[in-house]
């Protein structure tokens, strides 16, 4: 299995923009026909830049820093499930939000992850310009690369504002994606157990 896809940070080949995000947003406001200097919009470009830096802060992190010191040797071979991890992300096609819940499970081999680190891993990949399908695979592959478990399963359920606000304008549509690695892909019993735990609100 190849290493999970990571976007290189601070690539020397990448051009550093001469204008700030706030400068560009100020121009955009004018292009769509508004006055960026009116009372309600005067500070919007700076607010947007600050919000965008937070929403894309995942580019300043990587798997090693997020999962550093998070693995433990333990004799445990039952399924570990962390469900209903809420996240917010930005669709790379329209820069509109998509949001929902991630459910993550793995079967340990010799090591386990700190539970809070799984949520941090979800946040790291969510806080980048994303598509749901890639984000689902990235989470699964990151866990596999870090602790080499018997298998990993990830399910993401999300609502996309690019579908609800434009295009087909369907308000109740939800996208569900999954990534199943190792025993979660090859063993139906393992996969069914995971799906049952995710679907059952009592667990």
Protein backbone atom coordinates (compact mmCIF):
# COMPACT_ATOMS: atom_id res chain seq x y z
CA UNK A 1 0.00 0.00 0.00
CA UNK A 2 1.40 3.38 -0.97
CA UNK A 3 1.75 6.08 1.61
CA UNK A 4 -1.34 8.27 2.08
CA UNK A 5 -1.46 11.24 -0.25
CA UNK A 6 0.04 14.31 1.36
CA UNK A 7 0.21 17.76 -0.16
CA UNK A 8 3.72 19.15 -0.01
CA UNK A 9 3.97 22.32 2.04
CA UNK A 10 6.22 25.26 1.27
CA UNK A 11 7.17 23.90 -2.14
CA UNK A 12 9.79 26.21 -3.59
CA UNK A 13 8.19 25.87 -7.01
CA UNK A 14 4.91 27.28 -5.74
CA UNK A 15 4.60 30.99 -6.40
CA UNK A 16 4.08 33.13 -3.33
CA UNK A 17 1.14 35.48 -3.99
CA UNK A 18 2.05 39.14 -3.96
CA UNK A 19 -1.40 40.11 -2.71
CA UNK A 20 -3.03 38.99 0.49
CA UNK A 21 -6.25 37.00 0.56
CA UNK A 22 -7.95 40.09 1.98
CA UNK A 23 -6.77 42.18 -1.00
CA UNK A 24 -8.18 39.61 -3.43
CA UNK A 25 -11.51 39.38 -1.59
CA UNK A 26 -11.81 43.17 -1.65
CA UNK A 27 -11.40 43.06 -5.43
CA UNK A 28 -13.88 40.21 -5.73
CA UNK A 29 -16.52 42.15 -3.78
CA UNK A 30 -16.13 45.01 -6.25
CA UNK A 31 -16.28 42.65 -9.27
CA UNK A 32 -19.66 41.21 -8.23
CA UNK A 33 -21.06 44.73 -8.00
CA UNK A 34 -20.77 45.62 -4.31
CA UNK A 35 -18.92 48.44 -2.59
CA UNK A 36 -16.10 46.97 -0.46
CA UNK A 37 -15.85 50.27 1.42
CA UNK A 38 -19.39 50.40 2.71
CA UNK A 39 -19.97 50.00 6.44
CA UNK A 40 -20.94 46.32 6.53
CA UNK A 41 -18.21 45.16 4.16
CA UNK A 42 -15.24 47.26 5.18
CA UNK A 43 -13.71 44.60 7.43
CA UNK A 44 -15.10 41.56 5.60
CA UNK A 45 -11.93 40.83 3.57
CA UNK A 46 -9.82 40.55 6.72
CA UNK A 47 -12.48 38.45 8.45
CA UNK A 48 -12.65 36.14 5.44
CA UNK A 49 -8.87 35.74 5.33
CA UNK A 50 -8.79 34.83 9.02
CA UNK A 51 -11.63 32.31 8.58
CA UNK A 52 -10.02 30.77 5.48
CA UNK A 53 -6.69 30.30 7.26
CA UNK A 54 -8.51 28.36 9.99
CA UNK A 55 -10.55 26.29 7.54
CA UNK A 56 -7.39 25.32 5.62
CA UNK A 57 -5.10 24.91 8.64
CA UNK A 58 -4.73 21.23 7.76
CA UNK A 59 -2.08 22.25 5.22
CA UNK A 60 0.14 23.22 8.14
CA UNK A 61 -0.08 19.71 9.63
CA UNK A 62 0.97 16.24 8.57
CA UNK A 63 0.36 12.70 9.74
CA UNK A 64 3.55 12.52 11.80
CA UNK A 65 2.83 15.68 13.79
CA UNK A 66 -0.82 14.84 14.38
CA UNK A 67 -0.15 11.24 15.43
CA UNK A 68 3.18 11.87 17.16
CA UNK A 69 3.38 9.85 20.39
CA UNK A 70 -0.14 8.56 19.85
CA UNK A 71 0.53 4.83 19.38
CA UNK A 72 0.68 2.29 22.19
CA UNK A 73 1.68 -1.36 22.33
CA UNK A 74 -1.18 -3.36 23.73
CA UNK A 75 -2.58 -6.88 23.63
CA UNK A 76 -5.99 -6.06 22.18
CA UNK A 77 -7.44 -7.61 19.07
CA UNK A 78 -11.07 -6.47 19.07
CA UNK A 79 -12.48 -3.74 16.85
CA UNK A 80 -11.88 -0.12 17.87
CA UNK A 81 -14.58 2.26 16.63
CA UNK A 82 -14.82 6.03 16.94
CA UNK A 83 -18.11 7.17 15.44
CA UNK A 84 -19.92 10.47 14.84
CA UNK A 85 -16.79 12.59 14.49
CA UNK A 86 -18.19 15.92 13.29
CA UNK A 87 -16.22 17.80 10.66
CA UNK A 88 -16.42 20.78 8.31
CA UNK A 89 -14.54 21.04 5.05
CA UNK A 90 -14.43 23.06 1.82
CA UNK A 91 -15.23 21.47 -1.55
CA UNK A 92 -12.31 22.10 -3.88
CA UNK A 93 -14.63 22.49 -6.87
CA UNK A 94 -16.66 25.47 -5.64
CA UNK A 95 -15.01 26.44 -2.31
CA UNK A 96 -18.34 25.86 -0.61
CA UNK A 97 -18.66 23.95 2.67
CA UNK A 98 -19.49 20.31 3.09
CA UNK A 99 -19.99 18.90 6.56
CA UNK A 100 -21.09 15.81 8.37
CA UNK A 101 -19.79 12.90 10.42
CA UNK A 102 -16.95 10.44 10.04
CA UNK A 103 -16.98 6.92 11.49
CA UNK A 104 -13.58 5.27 11.86
CA UNK A 105 -12.74 1.71 12.88
CA UNK A 106 -9.71 -0.56 12.87
CA UNK A 107 -8.66 -4.00 14.05
CA UNK A 108 -5.39 -3.66 16.00
CA UNK A 109 -2.43 -5.85 15.24
CA UNK A 110 0.17 -4.92 17.85
CA UNK A 111 -0.51 -1.22 18.41
CA UNK A 112 -3.46 1.09 19.05
CA UNK A 113 -3.96 4.81 18.53
CA UNK A 114 -4.98 7.34 21.16
CA UNK A 115 -8.70 7.85 20.55
CA UNK A 116 -8.54 11.65 20.42
CA UNK A 117 -5.87 11.40 17.71
CA UNK A 118 -8.38 9.82 15.34
CA UNK A 119 -10.59 12.90 15.60
CA UNK A 120 -7.53 15.10 15.09
CA UNK A 121 -6.64 13.12 11.98
CA UNK A 122 -10.14 13.65 10.58
CA UNK A 123 -9.83 17.39 11.27
CA UNK A 124 -6.43 17.60 9.60
CA UNK A 125 -7.70 16.19 6.32
CA UNK A 126 -11.01 18.06 6.56
CA UNK A 127 -9.26 21.41 6.95
CA UNK A 128 -7.98 21.41 3.40
CA UNK A 129 -9.63 21.94 0.04
CA UNK A 130 -11.16 18.51 -0.40
CA UNK A 131 -13.43 16.08 -2.10
CA UNK A 132 -15.21 13.65 0.17
CA UNK A 133 -13.97 10.56 -1.64
CA UNK A 134 -10.30 11.48 -1.27
CA UNK A 135 -10.67 12.53 2.35
CA UNK A 136 -12.23 9.14 3.20
CA UNK A 137 -9.31 7.25 1.67
CA UNK A 138 -6.70 9.54 3.23
CA UNK A 139 -7.96 8.88 6.75
CA UNK A 140 -7.96 5.09 6.24
CA UNK A 141 -4.52 5.03 4.62
CA UNK A 142 -3.01 7.26 7.31
CA UNK A 143 -4.10 4.88 10.07
CA UNK A 144 -2.86 1.88 8.09
CA UNK A 145 0.54 3.49 7.53
CA UNK A 146 0.94 4.45 11.18
CA UNK A 147 0.02 1.25 13.07
CA UNK A 148 -0.31 -1.48 10.40
CA UNK A 149 -3.59 -2.87 11.77
CA UNK A 150 -5.36 -5.97 10.48
CA UNK A 151 -7.81 -3.66 8.74
CA UNK A 152 -9.29 -0.16 8.66
CA UNK A 153 -12.78 1.05 7.85
CA UNK A 154 -13.88 4.65 7.32
CA UNK A 155 -17.37 5.89 6.47
CA UNK A 156 -18.17 9.56 5.90
CA UNK A 157 -21.69 10.96 5.67
CA UNK A 158 -21.87 14.56 4.51
CA UNK A 159 -24.11 17.28 3.14
CA UNK A 160 -22.67 19.50 0.41
CA UNK A 161 -23.73 23.12 0.06
CA UNK A 162 -22.55 23.08 -3.56
CA UNK A 163 -25.44 20.66 -4.16
CA UNK A 164 -27.94 22.35 -1.84
CA UNK A 165 -27.34 26.00 -2.77
CA UNK A 166 -26.67 25.65 -6.52
CA UNK A 167 -26.91 23.05 -9.28
CA UNK A 168 -29.67 20.57 -8.47
CA UNK A 169 -30.57 22.46 -5.25
CA UNK A 170 -31.58 19.35 -3.34
CA UNK A 171 -31.83 20.30 0.33
CA UNK A 172 -31.86 16.84 1.86
CA UNK A 173 -29.32 15.02 -0.27
CA UNK A 174 -26.46 13.35 1.56
CA UNK A 175 -23.31 11.74 0.21
CA UNK A 176 -21.91 8.59 1.82
CA UNK A 177 -18.41 7.32 1.06
CA UNK A 178 -16.41 4.45 2.48
CA UNK A 179 -12.88 3.12 2.46
CA UNK A 180 -12.28 -0.46 3.56
CA UNK A 181 -8.76 -1.81 3.88
CA UNK A 182 -7.44 -5.21 4.94
CA UNK A 183 -9.92 -7.36 6.83
CA UNK A 184 -12.66 -4.75 6.44
CA UNK A 185 -12.51 -5.28 2.69
CA UNK A 186 -11.93 -9.05 2.62
CA UNK A 187 -13.93 -10.26 5.62
CA UNK A 188 -17.70 -9.75 5.36
CA UNK A 189 -18.25 -10.47 9.06
CA UNK A 190 -15.81 -7.71 10.06
CA UNK A 191 -17.36 -5.28 7.61
CA UNK A 192 -20.90 -6.10 8.74
CA UNK A 193 -19.94 -5.63 12.40
CA UNK A 194 -18.60 -2.15 11.61
CA UNK A 195 -21.69 -1.20 9.62
CA UNK A 196 -23.95 -2.46 12.41
CA UNK A 197 -22.11 -0.39 15.04
CA UNK A 198 -22.31 2.73 12.88
CA UNK A 199 -26.02 2.33 12.12
CA UNK A 200 -27.12 1.42 15.65
CA UNK A 201 -27.69 4.64 17.70
CA UNK A 202 -27.50 2.69 20.97
CA UNK A 203 -23.78 1.94 20.48
